[in-house]
Amino acid sequence: MSVHINANKGDIAKVVLFPGDPLRAKFIAETFLEDVVQYNSVRNMFGFTGTYKGVRISVQGSGMGIPSAMIYAEELYQEFDVDTIIRIGSAGGMKEEVKVRDIVFGMGATTDSSALRNIFDGQVHYSAIASFDVLDTAYHIAKDAGVEGIHVGNVLSSDRFYNEEMDKAKLARYGVLAVEMEAAGIYAVAAKHNRRALAMCTISDHLITGEETTAQEREQTFTQMMEIALETAVQLQK
């Protein structure tokens, strides 16, 4: 077991779905997985392992923000030999063509977080990117299933949820599709351990139109994204 995950070696699968909300983790486990065992309840950051189509998969809450996500990613990779983390989160749309309930795959993650800058002691602006094979697998699973509203590109992993100073319009002009709060940190930890990671997010609200979904909808109705992630986890382990 580790500091924040009360599990034993072998309790956690090689591929972990990684929602920010622990209640979304619980919903996924109860809705999609069979033979489910809960391996973590420390700080109510729930973690579960079960099977989907006969393949062993875990789902672990990460909490909100880069610092929290990096803690859980570090322990999953370092202490439990996890190979792949797939973030399944929510994000705010930043470009007009990205609609509420569309799904964004974060090919790269721009960030204002000093957590990444401090990794290299300010020497470089580290580019946090997804693992291509995981991204490629997820993208083609979505396309082959006829899922509409799929976007691939750069996301903003913001350190602050309420950030009036950030020039989001300029970021959008530079191709940033959506804003969330964890991907850059997860990608950095995956790179540190030579493991794999992908962030996929359903657009829960829009910075331009003001349209938004409810907390319950974010927890329980983003099932299309969940199914893409589950199918990706299966394909990666064949």
C-alpha atoms as a PDB file:
ATOM      1  CA  MET A   1       0.000   0.000   0.000  1.00  0.00           C
ATOM      2  CA  SER A   2       1.010   3.610  -0.456  1.00  0.00           C
ATOM      3  CA  VAL A   3       0.384   6.806   1.486  1.00  0.00           C
ATOM      4  CA  HIS A   4      -2.905   7.664  -0.229  1.00  0.00           C
ATOM      5  CA  ILE A   5      -4.027   4.342  -1.738  1.00  0.00           C
ATOM      6  CA  ASN A   6      -4.871   1.607   0.739  1.00  0.00           C
ATOM      7  CA  ALA A   7      -4.309  -1.295  -1.643  1.00  0.00           C
ATOM      8  CA  ASN A   8      -1.938  -4.227  -1.826  1.00  0.00           C
ATOM      9  CA  LYS A   9       0.276  -5.194  -4.742  1.00  0.00           C
ATOM     10  CA  GLY A  10      -1.869  -6.879  -7.357  1.00  0.00           C
ATOM     11  CA  ASP A  11      -5.112  -5.188  -6.302  1.00  0.00           C
ATOM     12  CA  ILE A  12      -4.907  -2.632  -9.122  1.00  0.00           C
ATOM     13  CA  ALA A  13      -5.064  -3.456 -12.839  1.00  0.00           C
ATOM     14  CA  LYS A  14      -2.461  -2.431 -15.403  1.00  0.00           C
ATOM     15  CA  VAL A  15      -4.869   0.092 -16.968  1.00  0.00           C
ATOM     16  CA  VAL A  16      -6.617   2.590 -14.687  1.00  0.00           C
ATOM     17  CA  LEU A  17      -9.460   4.924 -15.592  1.00  0.00           C
ATOM     18  CA  PHE A  18      -8.891   8.175 -13.722  1.00  0.00           C
ATOM     19  CA  PRO A  19     -11.886  10.470 -13.127  1.00  0.00           C
ATOM     20  CA  GLY A  20     -11.418  13.496 -10.925  1.00  0.00           C
ATOM     21  CA  ASP A  21     -14.665  12.862  -9.062  1.00  0.00           C
ATOM     22  CA  PRO A  22     -14.539   9.757  -6.810  1.00  0.00           C
ATOM     23  CA  LEU A  23     -18.320   9.439  -7.179  1.00  0.00           C
ATOM     24  CA  ARG A  24     -17.818   9.144 -10.937  1.00  0.00           C
ATOM     25  CA  ALA A  25     -15.367   6.325 -10.176  1.00  0.00           C
ATOM     26  CA  LYS A  26     -18.053   4.634  -8.063  1.00  0.00           C
ATOM     27  CA  PHE A  27     -20.658   5.123 -10.806  1.00  0.00           C
ATOM     28  CA  ILE A  28     -18.387   3.581 -13.444  1.00  0.00           C
ATOM     29  CA  ALA A  29     -17.550   0.594 -11.245  1.00  0.00           C
ATOM     30  CA  GLU A  30     -21.189  -0.074 -10.383  1.00  0.00           C
ATOM     31  CA  THR A  31     -22.492   0.508 -13.902  1.00  0.00           C
ATOM     32  CA  PHE A  32     -19.915  -1.117 -16.169  1.00  0.00           C
ATOM     33  CA  LEU A  33     -17.652  -3.481 -14.220  1.00  0.00           C
ATOM     34  CA  GLU A  34     -18.282  -7.031 -13.025  1.00  0.00           C
ATOM     35  CA  ASP A  35     -16.844  -8.771  -9.955  1.00  0.00           C
ATOM     36  CA  VAL A  36     -15.995  -5.379  -8.480  1.00  0.00           C
ATOM     37  CA  VAL A  37     -13.762  -5.027  -5.432  1.00  0.00           C
ATOM     38  CA  GLN A  38     -13.201  -1.661  -3.753  1.00  0.00           C
ATOM     39  CA  TYR A  39      -9.510  -1.341  -2.908  1.00  0.00           C
ATOM     40  CA  ASN A  40      -9.376   2.251  -1.661  1.00  0.00           C
ATOM     41  CA  SER A  41     -11.437   4.570   0.512  1.00  0.00           C
ATOM     42  CA  VAL A  42      -8.676   6.738   2.010  1.00  0.00           C
ATOM     43  CA  ARG A  43      -9.932  10.358   2.058  1.00  0.00           C
ATOM     44  CA  ASN A  44     -13.030   8.998   0.234  1.00  0.00           C
ATOM     45  CA  MET A  45     -10.947   8.915  -2.963  1.00  0.00           C
ATOM     46  CA  PHE A  46     -12.541   5.684  -4.062  1.00  0.00           C
ATOM     47  CA  GLY A  47     -10.748   3.043  -6.122  1.00  0.00           C
ATOM     48  CA  PHE A  48     -12.224  -0.130  -7.617  1.00  0.00           C
ATOM     49  CA  THR A  49     -11.053  -3.081  -9.673  1.00  0.00           C
ATOM     50  CA  GLY A  50     -13.325  -5.286 -11.752  1.00  0.00           C
ATOM     51  CA  THR A  51     -13.665  -6.763 -15.216  1.00  0.00           C
ATOM     52  CA  TYR A  52     -15.129  -5.374 -18.430  1.00  0.00           C
ATOM     53  CA  LYS A  53     -15.686  -7.881 -21.245  1.00  0.00           C
ATOM     54  CA  GLY A  54     -13.489 -10.241 -19.273  1.00  0.00           C
ATOM     55  CA  VAL A  55     -10.568  -7.804 -19.031  1.00  0.00           C
ATOM     56  CA  ARG A  56      -9.332  -6.539 -15.675  1.00  0.00           C
ATOM     57  CA  ILE A  57      -9.640  -2.745 -15.293  1.00  0.00           C
ATOM     58  CA  SER A  58      -9.376  -0.363 -12.343  1.00  0.00           C
ATOM     59  CA  VAL A  59     -10.972   3.015 -11.807  1.00  0.00           C
ATOM     60  CA  GLN A  60      -9.495   5.496  -9.337  1.00  0.00           C
ATOM     61  CA  GLY A  61     -10.584   8.994  -8.338  1.00  0.00           C
ATOM     62  CA  SER A  62      -7.848  11.608  -8.720  1.00  0.00           C
ATOM     63  CA  GLY A  63      -9.311  14.670  -7.027  1.00  0.00           C
ATOM     64  CA  MET A  64      -9.274  18.164  -8.501  1.00  0.00           C
ATOM     65  CA  GLY A  65      -6.173  19.930  -9.783  1.00  0.00           C
ATOM     66  CA  ILE A  66      -2.668  19.028 -10.901  1.00  0.00           C
ATOM     67  CA  PRO A  67      -1.202  18.511  -7.385  1.00  0.00           C
ATOM     68  CA  SER A  68      -3.856  15.954  -6.418  1.00  0.00           C
ATOM     69  CA  ALA A  69      -3.741  14.145  -9.763  1.00  0.00           C
ATOM     70  CA  MET A  70       0.056  13.943  -9.633  1.00  0.00           C
ATOM     71  CA  ILE A  71      -0.035  12.360  -6.169  1.00  0.00           C
ATOM     72  CA  TYR A  72      -2.329   9.545  -7.269  1.00  0.00           C
ATOM     73  CA  ALA A  73      -0.612   9.076 -10.635  1.00  0.00           C
ATOM     74  CA  GLU A  74       2.799   8.859  -8.938  1.00  0.00           C
ATOM     75  CA  GLU A  75       1.601   6.188  -6.509  1.00  0.00           C
ATOM     76  CA  LEU A  76      -0.209   4.188  -9.195  1.00  0.00           C
ATOM     77  CA  TYR A  77       2.854   4.083 -11.454  1.00  0.00           C
ATOM     78  CA  GLN A  78       5.512   3.780  -8.744  1.00  0.00           C
ATOM     79  CA  GLU A  79       3.888   1.608  -6.082  1.00  0.00           C
ATOM     80  CA  PHE A  80       1.390  -0.490  -8.053  1.00  0.00           C
ATOM     81  CA  ASP A  81       3.118  -0.990 -11.429  1.00  0.00           C
ATOM     82  CA  VAL A  82       0.279   0.568 -13.406  1.00  0.00           C
ATOM     83  CA  ASP A  83       1.084   0.804 -17.110  1.00  0.00           C
ATOM     84  CA  THR A  84      -1.580   3.219 -18.391  1.00  0.00           C
ATOM     85  CA  ILE A  85      -3.743   5.955 -16.879  1.00  0.00           C
ATOM     86  CA  ILE A  86      -6.721   7.258 -18.848  1.00  0.00           C
ATOM     87  CA  ARG A  87      -8.183  10.436 -17.437  1.00  0.00           C
ATOM     88  CA  ILE A  88     -11.949  10.647 -17.993  1.00  0.00           C
ATOM     89  CA  GLY A  89     -12.967  14.116 -16.926  1.00  0.00           C
ATOM     90  CA  SER A  90     -14.965  17.193 -17.730  1.00  0.00           C
ATOM     91  CA  ALA A  91     -13.738  20.356 -19.403  1.00  0.00           C
ATOM     92  CA  GLY A  92     -14.912  23.798 -20.436  1.00  0.00           C
ATOM     93  CA  GLY A  93     -15.121  24.446 -24.163  1.00  0.00           C
ATOM     94  CA  MET A  94     -12.964  27.327 -25.441  1.00  0.00           C
ATOM     95  CA  LYS A  95     -13.638  27.251 -29.192  1.00  0.00           C
ATOM     96  CA  GLU A  96     -16.969  27.663 -30.972  1.00  0.00           C
ATOM     97  CA  GLU A  97     -16.696  24.376 -32.849  1.00  0.00           C
ATOM     98  CA  VAL A  98     -16.327  22.461 -29.569  1.00  0.00           C
ATOM     99  CA  LYS A  99     -19.869  21.929 -28.273  1.00  0.00           C
ATOM    100  CA  VAL A 100     -21.237  20.889 -24.867  1.00  0.00           C
ATOM    101  CA  ARG A 101     -21.134  17.067 -24.592  1.00  0.00           C
ATOM    102  CA  ASP A 102     -18.475  16.786 -27.308  1.00  0.00           C
ATOM    103  CA  ILE A 103     -15.384  14.779 -26.334  1.00  0.00           C
ATOM    104  CA  VAL A 104     -11.861  16.220 -26.456  1.00  0.00           C
ATOM    105  CA  PHE A 105      -8.730  14.068 -26.520  1.00  0.00           C
ATOM    106  CA  GLY A 106      -5.810  16.040 -25.113  1.00  0.00           C
ATOM    107  CA  MET A 107      -2.929  15.461 -27.521  1.00  0.00           C
ATOM    108  CA  GLY A 108      -1.003  18.102 -25.567  1.00  0.00           C
ATOM    109  CA  ALA A 109      -1.608  19.999 -22.350  1.00  0.00           C
ATOM    110  CA  THR A 110      -0.620  23.647 -21.987  1.00  0.00           C
ATOM    111  CA  THR A 111      -0.403  24.757 -18.363  1.00  0.00           C
ATOM    112  CA  ASP A 112       0.304  27.705 -16.099  1.00  0.00           C
ATOM    113  CA  SER A 113       1.289  25.338 -13.283  1.00  0.00           C
ATOM    114  CA  SER A 114       4.639  25.846 -11.577  1.00  0.00           C
ATOM    115  CA  ALA A 115       4.579  22.130 -10.738  1.00  0.00           C
ATOM    116  CA  LEU A 116       5.803  21.272 -14.226  1.00  0.00           C
ATOM    117  CA  ARG A 117       8.164  24.247 -14.448  1.00  0.00           C
ATOM    118  CA  ASN A 118       9.806  23.200 -11.179  1.00  0.00           C
ATOM    119  CA  ILE A 119      10.520  19.672 -12.460  1.00  0.00           C
ATOM    120  CA  PHE A 120      13.262  21.171 -14.638  1.00  0.00           C
ATOM    121  CA  ASP A 121      14.108  24.039 -12.278  1.00  0.00           C
ATOM    122  CA  GLY A 122      12.925  26.605 -14.813  1.00  0.00           C
ATOM    123  CA  GLN A 123      15.386  25.443 -17.479  1.00  0.00           C
ATOM    124  CA  VAL A 124      12.697  24.631 -20.079  1.00  0.00           C
ATOM    125  CA  HIS A 125       8.962  24.917 -20.690  1.00  0.00           C
ATOM    126  CA  TYR A 126       8.239  21.180 -20.704  1.00  0.00           C
ATOM    127  CA  SER A 127       5.667  20.056 -23.302  1.00  0.00           C
ATOM    128  CA  ALA A 128       3.249  17.634 -21.647  1.00  0.00           C
ATOM    129  CA  ILE A 129       1.837  15.271 -24.268  1.00  0.00           C
ATOM    130  CA  ALA A 130      -0.310  12.154 -24.436  1.00  0.00           C
ATOM    131  CA  SER A 131       0.978   8.691 -25.283  1.00  0.00           C
ATOM    132  CA  PHE A 132       0.366   8.323 -29.010  1.00  0.00           C
ATOM    133  CA  ASP A 133      -0.620   4.644 -29.016  1.00  0.00           C
ATOM    134  CA  VAL A 134      -3.275   5.230 -26.358  1.00  0.00           C
ATOM    135  CA  LEU A 135      -4.560   8.332 -28.159  1.00  0.00           C
ATOM    136  CA  ASP A 136      -4.598   6.529 -31.508  1.00  0.00           C
ATOM    137  CA  THR A 137      -6.455   3.555 -30.044  1.00  0.00           C
ATOM    138  CA  ALA A 138      -9.097   5.705 -28.326  1.00  0.00           C
ATOM    139  CA  TYR A 139      -9.609   7.919 -31.364  1.00  0.00           C
ATOM    140  CA  HIS A 140     -10.224   5.014 -33.728  1.00  0.00           C
ATOM    141  CA  ILE A 141     -12.512   3.262 -31.243  1.00  0.00           C
ATOM    142  CA  ALA A 142     -14.625   6.435 -31.097  1.00  0.00           C
ATOM    143  CA  LYS A 143     -14.617   6.924 -34.869  1.00  0.00           C
ATOM    144  CA  ASP A 144     -15.400   3.270 -35.625  1.00  0.00           C
ATOM    145  CA  ALA A 145     -18.340   3.484 -33.209  1.00  0.00           C
ATOM    146  CA  GLY A 146     -19.698   6.482 -35.103  1.00  0.00           C
ATOM    147  CA  VAL A 147     -19.290   8.868 -32.180  1.00  0.00           C
ATOM    148  CA  GLU A 148     -19.802  12.459 -33.297  1.00  0.00           C
ATOM    149  CA  GLY A 149     -18.237  15.549 -31.775  1.00  0.00           C
ATOM    150  CA  ILE A 150     -14.727  14.142 -31.295  1.00  0.00           C
ATOM    151  CA  HIS A 151     -11.846  16.642 -31.165  1.00  0.00           C
ATOM    152  CA  VAL A 152      -8.090  16.067 -30.818  1.00  0.00           C
ATOM    153  CA  GLY A 153      -5.660  18.802 -29.853  1.00  0.00           C
ATOM    154  CA  ASN A 154      -4.294  21.000 -27.105  1.00  0.00           C
ATOM    155  CA  VAL A 155      -6.046  21.523 -23.769  1.00  0.00           C
ATOM    156  CA  LEU A 156      -5.307  23.990 -21.002  1.00  0.00           C
ATOM    157  CA  SER A 157      -4.558  22.437 -17.614  1.00  0.00           C
ATOM    158  CA  SER A 158      -5.230  25.431 -15.412  1.00  0.00           C
ATOM    159  CA  ASP A 159      -3.980  25.737 -11.847  1.00  0.00           C
ATOM    160  CA  ARG A 160      -6.976  27.906 -10.913  1.00  0.00           C
ATOM    161  CA  PHE A 161     -10.650  27.261 -11.581  1.00  0.00           C
ATOM    162  CA  TYR A 162     -11.548  30.917 -11.106  1.00  0.00           C
ATOM    163  CA  ASN A 163      -8.974  32.685 -13.255  1.00  0.00           C
ATOM    164  CA  GLU A 164     -10.152  35.990 -14.733  1.00  0.00           C
ATOM    165  CA  GLU A 165      -6.588  37.001 -15.638  1.00  0.00           C
ATOM    166  CA  MET A 166      -5.992  34.131 -18.058  1.00  0.00           C
ATOM    167  CA  ASP A 167      -6.377  35.243 -21.699  1.00  0.00           C
ATOM    168  CA  LYS A 168      -8.503  32.290 -22.776  1.00  0.00           C
ATOM    169  CA  ALA A 169      -9.556  33.961 -26.028  1.00  0.00           C
ATOM    170  CA  LYS A 170      -5.923  34.204 -27.125  1.00  0.00           C
ATOM    171  CA  LEU A 171      -5.280  30.613 -26.108  1.00  0.00           C
ATOM    172  CA  ALA A 172      -8.278  29.563 -28.194  1.00  0.00           C
ATOM    173  CA  ARG A 173      -6.872  31.450 -31.188  1.00  0.00           C
ATOM    174  CA  TYR A 174      -3.693  29.435 -30.714  1.00  0.00           C
ATOM    175  CA  GLY A 175      -5.712  26.229 -30.947  1.00  0.00           C
ATOM    176  CA  VAL A 176      -6.440  25.355 -27.319  1.00  0.00           C
ATOM    177  CA  LEU A 177      -9.762  23.486 -27.421  1.00  0.00           C
ATOM    178  CA  ALA A 178     -10.819  23.296 -23.782  1.00  0.00           C
ATOM    179  CA  VAL A 179      -9.779  23.975 -20.205  1.00  0.00           C
ATOM    180  CA  GLU A 180      -9.466  21.371 -17.452  1.00  0.00           C
ATOM    181  CA  MET A 181      -7.195  20.979 -14.436  1.00  0.00           C
ATOM    182  CA  GLU A 182      -5.245  17.707 -14.451  1.00  0.00           C
ATOM    183  CA  ALA A 183      -3.910  16.464 -17.818  1.00  0.00           C
ATOM    184  CA  ALA A 184      -0.504  18.203 -17.829  1.00  0.00           C
ATOM    185  CA  GLY A 185       0.397  16.788 -14.426  1.00  0.00           C
ATOM    186  CA  ILE A 186      -0.656  13.261 -15.371  1.00  0.00           C
ATOM    187  CA  TYR A 187       1.331  13.417 -18.611  1.00  0.00           C
ATOM    188  CA  ALA A 188       4.427  14.618 -16.758  1.00  0.00           C
ATOM    189  CA  VAL A 189       4.281  11.806 -14.201  1.00  0.00           C
ATOM    190  CA  ALA A 190       3.712   9.234 -16.955  1.00  0.00           C
ATOM    191  CA  ALA A 191       6.792  10.545 -18.782  1.00  0.00           C
ATOM    192  CA  LYS A 192       8.851  10.402 -15.578  1.00  0.00           C
ATOM    193  CA  HIS A 193       8.088   6.694 -15.195  1.00  0.00           C
ATOM    194  CA  ASN A 194       8.138   5.857 -18.926  1.00  0.00           C
ATOM    195  CA  ARG A 195       4.497   4.817 -18.734  1.00  0.00           C
ATOM    196  CA  ARG A 196       1.432   5.782 -20.769  1.00  0.00           C
ATOM    197  CA  ALA A 197      -1.341   8.335 -20.250  1.00  0.00           C
ATOM    198  CA  LEU A 198      -4.219   9.966 -22.076  1.00  0.00           C
ATOM    199  CA  ALA A 199      -6.745  12.577 -20.991  1.00  0.00           C
ATOM    200  CA  MET A 200     -10.186  12.543 -22.562  1.00  0.00           C
ATOM    201  CA  CYS A 201     -12.785  15.027 -21.399  1.00  0.00           C
ATOM    202  CA  THR A 202     -16.456  15.588 -22.084  1.00  0.00           C
ATOM    203  CA  ILE A 203     -17.330  19.252 -22.494  1.00  0.00           C
ATOM    204  CA  SER A 204     -19.494  20.051 -19.476  1.00  0.00           C
ATOM    205  CA  ASP A 205     -19.799  23.812 -20.008  1.00  0.00           C
ATOM    206  CA  HIS A 206     -18.747  26.435 -22.517  1.00  0.00           C
ATOM    207  CA  LEU A 207     -16.793  29.614 -21.879  1.00  0.00           C
ATOM    208  CA  ILE A 208     -18.274  31.353 -24.930  1.00  0.00           C
ATOM    209  CA  THR A 209     -21.928  30.298 -24.937  1.00  0.00           C
ATOM    210  CA  GLY A 210     -22.379  29.927 -21.172  1.00  0.00           C
ATOM    211  CA  GLU A 211     -24.138  26.579 -21.631  1.00  0.00           C
ATOM    212  CA  GLU A 212     -23.497  24.108 -18.806  1.00  0.00           C
ATOM    213  CA  THR A 213     -24.468  20.757 -17.346  1.00  0.00           C
ATOM    214  CA  THR A 214     -25.348  19.925 -13.731  1.00  0.00           C
ATOM    215  CA  ALA A 215     -23.097  18.196 -11.192  1.00  0.00           C
ATOM    216  CA  GLN A 216     -25.272  15.070 -11.382  1.00  0.00           C
ATOM    217  CA  GLU A 217     -25.063  15.046 -15.178  1.00  0.00           C
ATOM    218  CA  ARG A 218     -21.263  15.301 -14.991  1.00  0.00           C
ATOM    219  CA  GLU A 219     -21.174  12.397 -12.546  1.00  0.00           C
ATOM    220  CA  GLN A 220     -23.592  10.009 -14.242  1.00  0.00           C
ATOM    221  CA  THR A 221     -24.402  10.907 -17.853  1.00  0.00           C
ATOM    222  CA  PHE A 222     -21.046  11.174 -19.631  1.00  0.00           C
ATOM    223  CA  THR A 223     -21.336   7.484 -20.461  1.00  0.00           C
ATOM    224  CA  GLN A 224     -20.150   7.756 -24.071  1.00  0.00           C
ATOM    225  CA  MET A 225     -16.716   8.897 -22.871  1.00  0.00           C
ATOM    226  CA  MET A 226     -16.691   6.164 -20.226  1.00  0.00           C
ATOM    227  CA  GLU A 227     -17.430   3.484 -22.821  1.00  0.00           C
ATOM    228  CA  ILE A 228     -14.671   4.759 -25.142  1.00  0.00           C
ATOM    229  CA  ALA A 229     -12.214   4.622 -22.234  1.00  0.00           C
ATOM    230  CA  LEU A 230     -13.305   1.119 -21.250  1.00  0.00           C
ATOM    231  CA  GLU A 231     -13.014  -0.160 -24.816  1.00  0.00           C
ATOM    232  CA  THR A 232      -9.572   1.470 -25.063  1.00  0.00           C
ATOM    233  CA  ALA A 233      -8.494  -0.263 -21.856  1.00  0.00           C
ATOM    234  CA  VAL A 234      -9.601  -3.602 -23.291  1.00  0.00           C
ATOM    235  CA  GLN A 235      -7.829  -3.042 -26.608  1.00  0.00           C
ATOM    236  CA  LEU A 236      -4.571  -1.999 -24.928  1.00  0.00           C
ATOM    237  CA  GLN A 237      -4.452  -5.269 -23.008  1.00  0.00           C
ATOM    238  CA  LYS A 238      -5.067  -7.642 -25.923  1.00  0.00           C
END
